[in-house]
Amino acid sequence: PNFSDAGSAFAYQGSAGLTFNFAENYALNIGYRYIGTSSVFAFGHM
């Protein structure tokens, strides 16, 4: 059979990177982010 399901969970994030401030009100970020969640019941896994 096919599998189709959805679920929701508490989420958290850590990030690091560099900001290029090439003007007072304009900037570019280059960064890494990690997103994780608590276990999602629908999938039995975080």
All heavy atoms as atom14 arrays in JSON, in Angstrom:
{
  "sequence": "PNFSDAGSAFAYQGSAGLTFNFAENYALNIGYRYIGTSSVFAFGHM",
  "atom14_mask": [
    [1, 1, 1, 1, 1, 1, 1, 0, 0, 0, 0, 0, 0, 0],
    [1, 1, 1, 1, 1, 1, 1, 1, 0, 0, 0, 0, 0, 0],
    [1, 1, 1, 1, 1, 1, 1, 1, 1, 1, 1, 0, 0, 0],
    [1, 1, 1, 1, 1, 1, 0, 0, 0, 0, 0, 0, 0, 0],
    [1, 1, 1, 1, 1, 1, 1, 1, 0, 0, 0, 0, 0, 0],
    [1, 1, 1, 1, 1, 0, 0, 0, 0, 0, 0, 0, 0, 0],
    [1, 1, 1, 1, 0, 0, 0, 0, 0, 0, 0, 0, 0, 0],
    [1, 1, 1, 1, 1, 1, 0, 0, 0, 0, 0, 0, 0, 0],
    [1, 1, 1, 1, 1, 0, 0, 0, 0, 0, 0, 0, 0, 0],
    [1, 1, 1, 1, 1, 1, 1, 1, 1, 1, 1, 0, 0, 0],
    [1, 1, 1, 1, 1, 0, 0, 0, 0, 0, 0, 0, 0, 0],
    [1, 1, 1, 1, 1, 1, 1, 1, 1, 1, 1, 1, 0, 0],
    [1, 1, 1, 1, 1, 1, 1, 1, 1, 0, 0, 0, 0, 0],
    [1, 1, 1, 1, 0, 0, 0, 0, 0, 0, 0, 0, 0, 0],
    [1, 1, 1, 1, 1, 1, 0, 0, 0, 0, 0, 0, 0, 0],
    [1, 1, 1, 1, 1, 0, 0, 0, 0, 0, 0, 0, 0, 0],
    [1, 1, 1, 1, 0, 0, 0, 0, 0, 0, 0, 0, 0, 0],
    [1, 1, 1, 1, 1, 1, 1, 1, 0, 0, 0, 0, 0, 0],
    [1, 1, 1, 1, 1, 1, 1, 0, 0, 0, 0, 0, 0, 0],
    [1, 1, 1, 1, 1, 1, 1, 1, 1, 1, 1, 0, 0, 0],
    [1, 1, 1, 1, 1, 1, 1, 1, 0, 0, 0, 0, 0, 0],
    [1, 1, 1, 1, 1, 1, 1, 1, 1, 1, 1, 0, 0, 0],
    [1, 1, 1, 1, 1, 0, 0, 0, 0, 0, 0, 0, 0, 0],
    [1, 1, 1, 1, 1, 1, 1, 1, 1, 0, 0, 0, 0, 0],
    [1, 1, 1, 1, 1, 1, 1, 1, 0, 0, 0, 0, 0, 0],
    [1, 1, 1, 1, 1, 1, 1, 1, 1, 1, 1, 1, 0, 0],
    [1, 1, 1, 1, 1, 0, 0, 0, 0, 0, 0, 0, 0, 0],
    [1, 1, 1, 1, 1, 1, 1, 1, 0, 0, 0, 0, 0, 0],
    [1, 1, 1, 1, 1, 1, 1, 1, 0, 0, 0, 0, 0, 0],
    [1, 1, 1, 1, 1, 1, 1, 1, 0, 0, 0, 0, 0, 0],
    [1, 1, 1, 1, 0, 0, 0, 0, 0, 0, 0, 0, 0, 0],
    [1, 1, 1, 1, 1, 1, 1, 1, 1, 1, 1, 1, 0, 0],
    [1, 1, 1, 1, 1, 1, 1, 1, 1, 1, 1, 0, 0, 0],
    [1, 1, 1, 1, 1, 1, 1, 1, 1, 1, 1, 1, 0, 0],
    [1, 1, 1, 1, 1, 1, 1, 1, 0, 0, 0, 0, 0, 0],
    [1, 1, 1, 1, 0, 0, 0, 0, 0, 0, 0, 0, 0, 0],
    [1, 1, 1, 1, 1, 1, 1, 0, 0, 0, 0, 0, 0, 0],
    [1, 1, 1, 1, 1, 1, 0, 0, 0, 0, 0, 0, 0, 0],
    [1, 1, 1, 1, 1, 1, 0, 0, 0, 0, 0, 0, 0, 0],
    [1, 1, 1, 1, 1, 1, 1, 0, 0, 0, 0, 0, 0, 0],
    [1, 1, 1, 1, 1, 1, 1, 1, 1, 1, 1, 0, 0, 0],
    [1, 1, 1, 1, 1, 0, 0, 0, 0, 0, 0, 0, 0, 0],
    [1, 1, 1, 1, 1, 1, 1, 1, 1, 1, 1, 0, 0, 0],
    [1, 1, 1, 1, 0, 0, 0, 0, 0, 0, 0, 0, 0, 0],
    [1, 1, 1, 1, 1, 1, 1, 1, 1, 1, 0, 0, 0, 0],
    [1, 1, 1, 1, 1, 1, 1, 1, 0, 0, 0, 0, 0, 0]
  ],
  "atom14_positions": [
    [[0.82, -1.22, 0.0], [0.0, 0.0, 0.0], [0.85, 1.26, 0.0], [2.03, 1.26, 0.39], [-0.8, -0.13, 1.3], [0.09, -0.94, 2.19], [0.78, -1.92, 1.29], [0.0, 0.0, 0.0], [0.0, 0.0, 0.0], [0.0, 0.0, 0.0], [0.0, 0.0, 0.0], [0.0, 0.0, 0.0], [0.0, 0.0, 0.0], [0.0, 0.0, 0.0]],
    [[0.26, 2.37, -0.43], [0.93, 3.66, -0.35], [0.94, 4.15, 1.09], [0.13, 3.73, 1.92], [0.24, 4.69, -1.24], [0.36, 4.35, -2.71], [1.32, 3.7, -3.13], [-0.61, 4.78, -3.49], [0.0, 0.0, 0.0], [0.0, 0.0, 0.0], [0.0, 0.0, 0.0], [0.0, 0.0, 0.0], [0.0, 0.0, 0.0], [0.0, 0.0, 0.0]],
    [[1.85, 5.07, 1.37], [1.93, 5.68, 2.7], [1.76, 7.18, 2.56], [2.4, 7.83, 1.72], [3.28, 5.38, 3.35], [3.49, 6.08, 4.67], [3.1, 5.49, 5.85], [4.08, 7.34, 4.71], [3.28, 6.14, 7.07], [4.27, 8.0, 5.92], [3.87, 7.39, 7.09], [0.0, 0.0, 0.0], [0.0, 0.0, 0.0], [0.0, 0.0, 0.0]],
    [[0.9, 7.76, 3.39], [0.7, 9.2, 3.39], [0.22, 9.62, 4.78], [-0.78, 9.1, 5.27], [-0.32, 9.63, 2.34], [-0.53, 11.02, 2.37], [0.0, 0.0, 0.0], [0.0, 0.0, 0.0], [0.0, 0.0, 0.0], [0.0, 0.0, 0.0], [0.0, 0.0, 0.0], [0.0, 0.0, 0.0], [0.0, 0.0, 0.0], [0.0, 0.0, 0.0]],
    [[0.98, 10.57, 5.39], [0.59, 11.01, 6.72], [1.26, 12.35, 7.01], [2.17, 12.79, 6.3], [0.98, 9.98, 7.78], [0.03, 10.01, 8.98], [-0.66, 11.04, 9.16], [0.0, 9.02, 9.73], [0.0, 0.0, 0.0], [0.0, 0.0, 0.0], [0.0, 0.0, 0.0], [0.0, 0.0, 0.0], [0.0, 0.0, 0.0], [0.0, 0.0, 0.0]],
    [[0.8, 13.0, 8.06], [1.34, 14.29, 8.47], [1.31, 14.38, 9.98], [0.5, 13.72, 10.64], [0.56, 15.44, 7.85], [0.0, 0.0, 0.0], [0.0, 0.0, 0.0], [0.0, 0.0, 0.0], [0.0, 0.0, 0.0], [0.0, 0.0, 0.0], [0.0, 0.0, 0.0], [0.0, 0.0, 0.0], [0.0, 0.0, 0.0], [0.0, 0.0, 0.0]],
    [[2.18, 15.2, 10.53], [2.21, 15.39, 11.97], [2.9, 16.69, 12.32], [3.48, 17.36, 11.46], [0.0, 0.0, 0.0], [0.0, 0.0, 0.0], [0.0, 0.0, 0.0], [0.0, 0.0, 0.0], [0.0, 0.0, 0.0], [0.0, 0.0, 0.0], [0.0, 0.0, 0.0], [0.0, 0.0, 0.0], [0.0, 0.0, 0.0], [0.0, 0.0, 0.0]],
    [[2.85, 17.05, 13.58], [3.48, 18.29, 14.05], [4.26, 17.99, 15.31], [4.01, 17.0, 16.01], [2.43, 19.37, 14.29], [1.45, 18.93, 15.22], [0.0, 0.0, 0.0], [0.0, 0.0, 0.0], [0.0, 0.0, 0.0], [0.0, 0.0, 0.0], [0.0, 0.0, 0.0], [0.0, 0.0, 0.0], [0.0, 0.0, 0.0], [0.0, 0.0, 0.0]],
    [[5.23, 18.88, 15.62], [6.08, 18.65, 16.78], [6.78, 19.93, 17.19], [6.93, 20.87, 16.4], [7.12, 17.57, 16.46], [0.0, 0.0, 0.0], [0.0, 0.0, 0.0], [0.0, 0.0, 0.0], [0.0, 0.0, 0.0], [0.0, 0.0, 0.0], [0.0, 0.0, 0.0], [0.0, 0.0, 0.0], [0.0, 0.0, 0.0], [0.0, 0.0, 0.0]],
    [[7.22, 19.96, 18.44], [8.07, 21.04, 18.94], [9.36, 21.07, 18.14], [9.93, 20.02, 17.82], [8.36, 20.8, 20.42], [9.46, 21.66, 20.98], [9.21, 22.99, 21.3], [10.73, 21.13, 21.19], [10.22, 23.79, 21.83], [11.73, 21.92, 21.72], [11.48, 23.25, 22.03], [0.0, 0.0, 0.0], [0.0, 0.0, 0.0], [0.0, 0.0, 0.0]],
    [[9.85, 22.26, 17.78], [11.05, 22.39, 16.96], [12.06, 23.33, 17.61], [11.7, 24.23, 18.37], [10.66, 22.91, 15.57], [0.0, 0.0, 0.0], [0.0, 0.0, 0.0], [0.0, 0.0, 0.0], [0.0, 0.0, 0.0], [0.0, 0.0, 0.0], [0.0, 0.0, 0.0], [0.0, 0.0, 0.0], [0.0, 0.0, 0.0], [0.0, 0.0, 0.0]],
    [[13.32, 23.1, 17.29], [14.4, 23.95, 17.77], [15.43, 24.14, 16.66], [15.48, 23.36, 15.7], [15.06, 23.35, 19.02], [15.43, 21.9, 18.87], [16.69, 21.52, 18.39], [14.52, 20.89, 19.2], [17.03, 20.19, 18.25], [14.85, 19.56, 19.07], [16.11, 19.21, 18.59], [16.44, 17.89, 18.45], [0.0, 0.0, 0.0], [0.0, 0.0, 0.0]],
    [[16.25, 25.18, 16.8], [17.17, 25.52, 15.72], [18.46, 26.12, 16.28], [18.44, 26.87, 17.26], [16.52, 26.53, 14.78], [17.44, 27.1, 13.71], [16.71, 28.01, 12.74], [16.31, 27.6, 11.67], [16.52, 29.27, 13.13], [0.0, 0.0, 0.0], [0.0, 0.0, 0.0], [0.0, 0.0, 0.0], [0.0, 0.0, 0.0], [0.0, 0.0, 0.0]],
    [[19.57, 25.8, 15.64], [20.85, 26.45, 15.91], [21.41, 26.95, 14.6], [21.24, 26.29, 13.56], [0.0, 0.0, 0.0], [0.0, 0.0, 0.0], [0.0, 0.0, 0.0], [0.0, 0.0, 0.0], [0.0, 0.0, 0.0], [0.0, 0.0, 0.0], [0.0, 0.0, 0.0], [0.0, 0.0, 0.0], [0.0, 0.0, 0.0], [0.0, 0.0, 0.0]],
    [[22.05, 28.1, 14.61], [22.57, 28.67, 13.36], [23.87, 29.41, 13.6], [24.16, 29.86, 14.71], [21.53, 29.6, 12.73], [21.22, 30.67, 13.59], [0.0, 0.0, 0.0], [0.0, 0.0, 0.0], [0.0, 0.0, 0.0], [0.0, 0.0, 0.0], [0.0, 0.0, 0.0], [0.0, 0.0, 0.0], [0.0, 0.0, 0.0], [0.0, 0.0, 0.0]],
    [[24.65, 29.53, 12.52], [25.9, 30.27, 12.55], [26.2, 30.75, 11.14], [25.79, 30.12, 10.16], [27.05, 29.4, 13.06], [0.0, 0.0, 0.0], [0.0, 0.0, 0.0], [0.0, 0.0, 0.0], [0.0, 0.0, 0.0], [0.0, 0.0, 0.0], [0.0, 0.0, 0.0], [0.0, 0.0, 0.0], [0.0, 0.0, 0.0], [0.0, 0.0, 0.0]],
    [[26.88, 31.89, 11.04], [27.2, 32.38, 9.71], [27.89, 33.72, 9.73], [28.41, 34.17, 10.76], [0.0, 0.0, 0.0], [0.0, 0.0, 0.0], [0.0, 0.0, 0.0], [0.0, 0.0, 0.0], [0.0, 0.0, 0.0], [0.0, 0.0, 0.0], [0.0, 0.0, 0.0], [0.0, 0.0, 0.0], [0.0, 0.0, 0.0], [0.0, 0.0, 0.0]],
    [[27.89, 34.36, 8.56], [28.52, 35.66, 8.37], [27.52, 36.63, 7.76], [26.75, 36.26, 6.87], [29.74, 35.54, 7.44], [30.9, 34.67, 7.92], [31.92, 34.52, 6.8], [31.55, 35.26, 9.16], [0.0, 0.0, 0.0], [0.0, 0.0, 0.0], [0.0, 0.0, 0.0], [0.0, 0.0, 0.0], [0.0, 0.0, 0.0], [0.0, 0.0, 0.0]],
    [[27.53, 37.86, 8.25], [26.72, 38.92, 7.68], [27.62, 39.9, 6.93], [28.63, 40.37, 7.49], [25.95, 39.69, 8.76], [25.09, 38.78, 9.46], [25.1, 40.8, 8.15], [0.0, 0.0, 0.0], [0.0, 0.0, 0.0], [0.0, 0.0, 0.0], [0.0, 0.0, 0.0], [0.0, 0.0, 0.0], [0.0, 0.0, 0.0], [0.0, 0.0, 0.0]],
    [[27.27, 40.2, 5.68], [28.0, 41.17, 4.86], [27.18, 42.47, 4.84], [26.19, 42.58, 4.13], [28.19, 40.63, 3.45], [29.04, 39.39, 3.4], [28.49, 38.14, 3.66], [30.4, 39.47, 3.11], [29.27, 36.99, 3.62], [31.19, 38.32, 3.07], [30.62, 37.08, 3.33], [0.0, 0.0, 0.0], [0.0, 0.0, 0.0], [0.0, 0.0, 0.0]],
    [[27.61, 43.47, 5.61], [26.9, 44.74, 5.71], [27.43, 45.7, 4.63], [28.28, 46.56, 4.9], [27.1, 45.35, 7.1], [26.47, 44.49, 8.18], [25.27, 44.27, 8.2], [27.3, 44.0, 9.09], [0.0, 0.0, 0.0], [0.0, 0.0, 0.0], [0.0, 0.0, 0.0], [0.0, 0.0, 0.0], [0.0, 0.0, 0.0], [0.0, 0.0, 0.0]],
    [[26.93, 45.55, 3.41], [27.46, 46.37, 2.33], [26.76, 47.72, 2.22], [27.14, 48.55, 1.4], [27.4, 45.63, 0.99], [26.03, 45.2, 0.56], [25.23, 46.05, -0.17], [25.55, 43.94, 0.89], [23.97, 45.65, -0.58], [24.29, 43.54, 0.49], [23.5, 44.4, -0.25], [0.0, 0.0, 0.0], [0.0, 0.0, 0.0], [0.0, 0.0, 0.0]],
    [[25.75, 47.98, 3.04], [25.11, 49.29, 3.15], [24.44, 49.36, 4.52], [24.24, 48.33, 5.17], [24.08, 49.49, 2.04], [0.0, 0.0, 0.0], [0.0, 0.0, 0.0], [0.0, 0.0, 0.0], [0.0, 0.0, 0.0], [0.0, 0.0, 0.0], [0.0, 0.0, 0.0], [0.0, 0.0, 0.0], [0.0, 0.0, 0.0], [0.0, 0.0, 0.0]],
    [[24.11, 50.58, 4.96], [23.49, 50.72, 6.27], [22.22, 49.89, 6.4], [21.97, 49.27, 7.43], [23.17, 52.19, 6.54], [24.36, 53.01, 6.99], [23.92, 54.4, 7.39], [22.83, 54.83, 6.97], [24.67, 55.06, 8.12], [0.0, 0.0, 0.0], [0.0, 0.0, 0.0], [0.0, 0.0, 0.0], [0.0, 0.0, 0.0], [0.0, 0.0, 0.0]],
    [[21.41, 49.9, 5.36], [20.12, 49.21, 5.48], [19.98, 48.0, 4.57], [18.89, 47.46, 4.42], [18.96, 50.19, 5.22], [19.05, 50.84, 3.85], [20.14, 51.06, 3.34], [17.91, 51.16, 3.26], [0.0, 0.0, 0.0], [0.0, 0.0, 0.0], [0.0, 0.0, 0.0], [0.0, 0.0, 0.0], [0.0, 0.0, 0.0], [0.0, 0.0, 0.0]],
    [[21.09, 47.54, 3.96], [21.07, 46.32, 3.17], [22.21, 45.41, 3.63], [23.3, 45.87, 3.95], [21.27, 46.61, 1.68], [20.12, 47.34, 1.03], [20.17, 48.72, 0.84], [18.99, 46.66, 0.61], [19.12, 49.4, 0.25], [17.93, 47.33, 0.01], [18.01, 48.7, -0.16], [16.96, 49.36, -0.75], [0.0, 0.0, 0.0], [0.0, 0.0, 0.0]],
    [[21.93, 44.11, 3.65], [22.96, 43.15, 4.04], [22.66, 41.79, 3.43], [21.52, 41.5, 3.02], [23.04, 43.03, 5.56], [0.0, 0.0, 0.0], [0.0, 0.0, 0.0], [0.0, 0.0, 0.0], [0.0, 0.0, 0.0], [0.0, 0.0, 0.0], [0.0, 0.0, 0.0], [0.0, 0.0, 0.0], [0.0, 0.0, 0.0], [0.0, 0.0, 0.0]],
    [[23.67, 40.94, 3.38], [23.54, 39.54, 2.97], [24.08, 38.65, 4.08], [25.1, 38.96, 4.69], [24.32, 39.27, 1.68], [23.76, 39.81, 0.38], [24.72, 39.48, -0.77], [22.39, 39.21, 0.08], [0.0, 0.0, 0.0], [0.0, 0.0, 0.0], [0.0, 0.0, 0.0], [0.0, 0.0, 0.0], [0.0, 0.0, 0.0], [0.0, 0.0, 0.0]],
    [[23.37, 37.56, 4.34], [23.84, 36.53, 5.27], [24.18, 35.26, 4.5], [23.44, 34.85, 3.6], [22.76, 36.17, 6.29], [22.72, 37.13, 7.45], [23.57, 38.0, 7.58], [21.73, 36.99, 8.3], [0.0, 0.0, 0.0], [0.0, 0.0, 0.0], [0.0, 0.0, 0.0], [0.0, 0.0, 0.0], [0.0, 0.0, 0.0], [0.0, 0.0, 0.0]],
    [[25.27, 34.64, 4.88], [25.59, 33.28, 4.44], [25.7, 32.44, 5.7], [26.5, 32.77, 6.6], [26.89, 33.22, 3.64], [26.76, 34.03, 2.35], [27.27, 31.77, 3.31], [28.02, 34.08, 1.52], [0.0, 0.0, 0.0], [0.0, 0.0, 0.0], [0.0, 0.0, 0.0], [0.0, 0.0, 0.0], [0.0, 0.0, 0.0], [0.0, 0.0, 0.0]],
    [[24.88, 31.39, 5.81], [24.86, 30.68, 7.08], [24.48, 29.22, 7.0], [23.99, 28.73, 5.98], [0.0, 0.0, 0.0], [0.0, 0.0, 0.0], [0.0, 0.0, 0.0], [0.0, 0.0, 0.0], [0.0, 0.0, 0.0], [0.0, 0.0, 0.0], [0.0, 0.0, 0.0], [0.0, 0.0, 0.0], [0.0, 0.0, 0.0], [0.0, 0.0, 0.0]],
    [[24.75, 28.54, 8.1], [24.34, 27.14, 8.31], [23.29, 27.11, 9.4], [23.4, 27.82, 10.41], [25.54, 26.29, 8.73], [25.13, 24.96, 9.33], [24.75, 23.89, 8.53], [25.1, 24.79, 10.73], [24.35, 22.68, 9.09], [24.7, 23.58, 11.29], [24.34, 22.53, 10.47], [23.94, 21.34, 11.01], [0.0, 0.0, 0.0], [0.0, 0.0, 0.0]],
    [[22.25, 26.29, 9.2], [21.21, 26.12, 10.2], [20.93, 24.63, 10.41], [20.91, 23.86, 9.45], [19.91, 26.8, 9.77], [20.0, 28.29, 9.59], [18.84, 28.83, 8.78], [17.55, 28.47, 9.38], [16.41, 28.46, 8.69], [16.38, 28.79, 7.41], [15.29, 28.14, 9.3], [0.0, 0.0, 0.0], [0.0, 0.0, 0.0], [0.0, 0.0, 0.0]],
    [[20.71, 24.26, 11.65], [20.26, 22.91, 11.98], [18.88, 23.02, 12.62], [18.68, 23.77, 13.58], [21.21, 22.21, 12.95], [20.63, 20.93, 13.51], [20.67, 19.75, 12.77], [20.03, 20.91, 14.77], [20.12, 18.58, 13.28], [19.48, 19.75, 15.29], [19.53, 18.58, 14.53], [18.98, 17.42, 15.03], [0.0, 0.0, 0.0], [0.0, 0.0, 0.0]],
    [[17.91, 22.29, 12.07], [16.56, 22.24, 12.62], [16.29, 20.81, 13.08], [16.54, 19.84, 12.34], [15.5, 22.67, 11.6], [15.65, 24.14, 11.25], [14.09, 22.41, 12.13], [14.65, 24.64, 10.23], [0.0, 0.0, 0.0], [0.0, 0.0, 0.0], [0.0, 0.0, 0.0], [0.0, 0.0, 0.0], [0.0, 0.0, 0.0], [0.0, 0.0, 0.0]],
    [[15.78, 20.67, 14.28], [15.38, 19.37, 14.8], [14.04, 19.47, 15.5], [13.58, 20.57, 15.85], [0.0, 0.0, 0.0], [0.0, 0.0, 0.0], [0.0, 0.0, 0.0], [0.0, 0.0, 0.0], [0.0, 0.0, 0.0], [0.0, 0.0, 0.0], [0.0, 0.0, 0.0], [0.0, 0.0, 0.0], [0.0, 0.0, 0.0], [0.0, 0.0, 0.0]],
    [[13.39, 18.34, 15.7], [12.1, 18.31, 16.38], [12.08, 17.19, 17.41], [12.94, 16.3, 17.41], [10.93, 18.08, 15.41], [10.94, 16.71, 14.96], [10.99, 19.01, 14.21], [0.0, 0.0, 0.0], [0.0, 0.0, 0.0], [0.0, 0.0, 0.0], [0.0, 0.0, 0.0], [0.0, 0.0, 0.0], [0.0, 0.0, 0.0], [0.0, 0.0, 0.0]],
    [[11.09, 17.24, 18.26], [10.79, 16.07, 19.08], [10.24, 14.99, 18.14], [9.98, 15.23, 16.96], [9.76, 16.43, 20.15], [8.59, 16.98, 19.56], [0.0, 0.0, 0.0], [0.0, 0.0, 0.0], [0.0, 0.0, 0.0], [0.0, 0.0, 0.0], [0.0, 0.0, 0.0], [0.0, 0.0, 0.0], [0.0, 0.0, 0.0], [0.0, 0.0, 0.0]],
    [[10.07, 13.77, 18.66], [9.57, 12.68, 17.82], [8.19, 13.01, 17.26], [7.3, 13.46, 17.99], [9.5, 11.38, 18.63], [9.07, 10.31, 17.83], [0.0, 0.0, 0.0], [0.0, 0.0, 0.0], [0.0, 0.0, 0.0], [0.0, 0.0, 0.0], [0.0, 0.0, 0.0], [0.0, 0.0, 0.0], [0.0, 0.0, 0.0], [0.0, 0.0, 0.0]],
    [[8.03, 12.79, 15.96], [6.75, 13.03, 15.29], [5.95, 11.73, 15.32], [6.37, 10.73, 14.72], [6.95, 13.51, 13.84], [5.61, 13.85, 13.2], [7.89, 14.72, 13.79], [0.0, 0.0, 0.0], [0.0, 0.0, 0.0], [0.0, 0.0, 0.0], [0.0, 0.0, 0.0], [0.0, 0.0, 0.0], [0.0, 0.0, 0.0], [0.0, 0.0, 0.0]],
    [[4.82, 11.73, 16.01], [4.06, 10.5, 16.23], [3.71, 9.8, 14.92], [3.78, 8.56, 14.82], [2.77, 10.81, 17.0], [1.9, 9.61, 17.23], [2.21, 8.71, 18.24], [0.79, 9.37, 16.43], [1.41, 7.59, 18.45], [-0.01, 8.25, 16.64], [0.3, 7.36, 17.66], [0.0, 0.0, 0.0], [0.0, 0.0, 0.0], [0.0, 0.0, 0.0]],
    [[3.35, 10.55, 13.88], [2.92, 9.95, 12.62], [4.02, 9.14, 11.95], [3.73, 8.22, 11.18], [2.44, 11.05, 11.66], [0.0, 0.0, 0.0], [0.0, 0.0, 0.0], [0.0, 0.0, 0.0], [0.0, 0.0, 0.0], [0.0, 0.0, 0.0], [0.0, 0.0, 0.0], [0.0, 0.0, 0.0], [0.0, 0.0, 0.0], [0.0, 0.0, 0.0]],
    [[5.31, 9.48, 12.25], [6.42, 8.81, 11.58], [7.29, 7.98, 12.52], [8.21, 7.3, 12.08], [7.29, 9.84, 10.86], [6.51, 10.8, 10.03], [6.58, 12.16, 10.26], [5.66, 10.35, 9.02], [5.84, 13.06, 9.49], [4.92, 11.23, 8.25], [5.0, 12.59, 8.49], [0.0, 0.0, 0.0], [0.0, 0.0, 0.0], [0.0, 0.0, 0.0]],
    [[7.02, 8.07, 13.84], [7.81, 7.31, 14.79], [9.26, 7.73, 14.85], [10.13, 6.95, 15.24], [0.0, 0.0, 0.0], [0.0, 0.0, 0.0], [0.0, 0.0, 0.0], [0.0, 0.0, 0.0], [0.0, 0.0, 0.0], [0.0, 0.0, 0.0], [0.0, 0.0, 0.0], [0.0, 0.0, 0.0], [0.0, 0.0, 0.0], [0.0, 0.0, 0.0]],
    [[9.56, 8.96, 14.48], [10.95, 9.41, 14.4], [10.97, 10.93, 14.47], [10.02, 11.59, 14.08], [11.57, 8.93, 13.08], [13.06, 8.83, 13.1], [13.89, 9.93, 13.06], [13.88, 7.74, 13.12], [15.14, 9.52, 13.06], [15.18, 8.21, 13.11], [0.0, 0.0, 0.0], [0.0, 0.0, 0.0], [0.0, 0.0, 0.0], [0.0, 0.0, 0.0]],
    [[12.08, 11.5, 14.95], [12.24, 12.94, 14.91], [12.54, 13.4, 13.48], [12.99, 12.6, 12.64], [13.37, 13.38, 15.84], [14.75, 12.95, 15.38], [16.1, 13.49, 16.5], [15.99, 15.26, 16.37], [0.0, 0.0, 0.0], [0.0, 0.0, 0.0], [0.0, 0.0, 0.0], [0.0, 0.0, 0.0], [0.0, 0.0, 0.0], [0.0, 0.0, 0.0]]
  ]
}
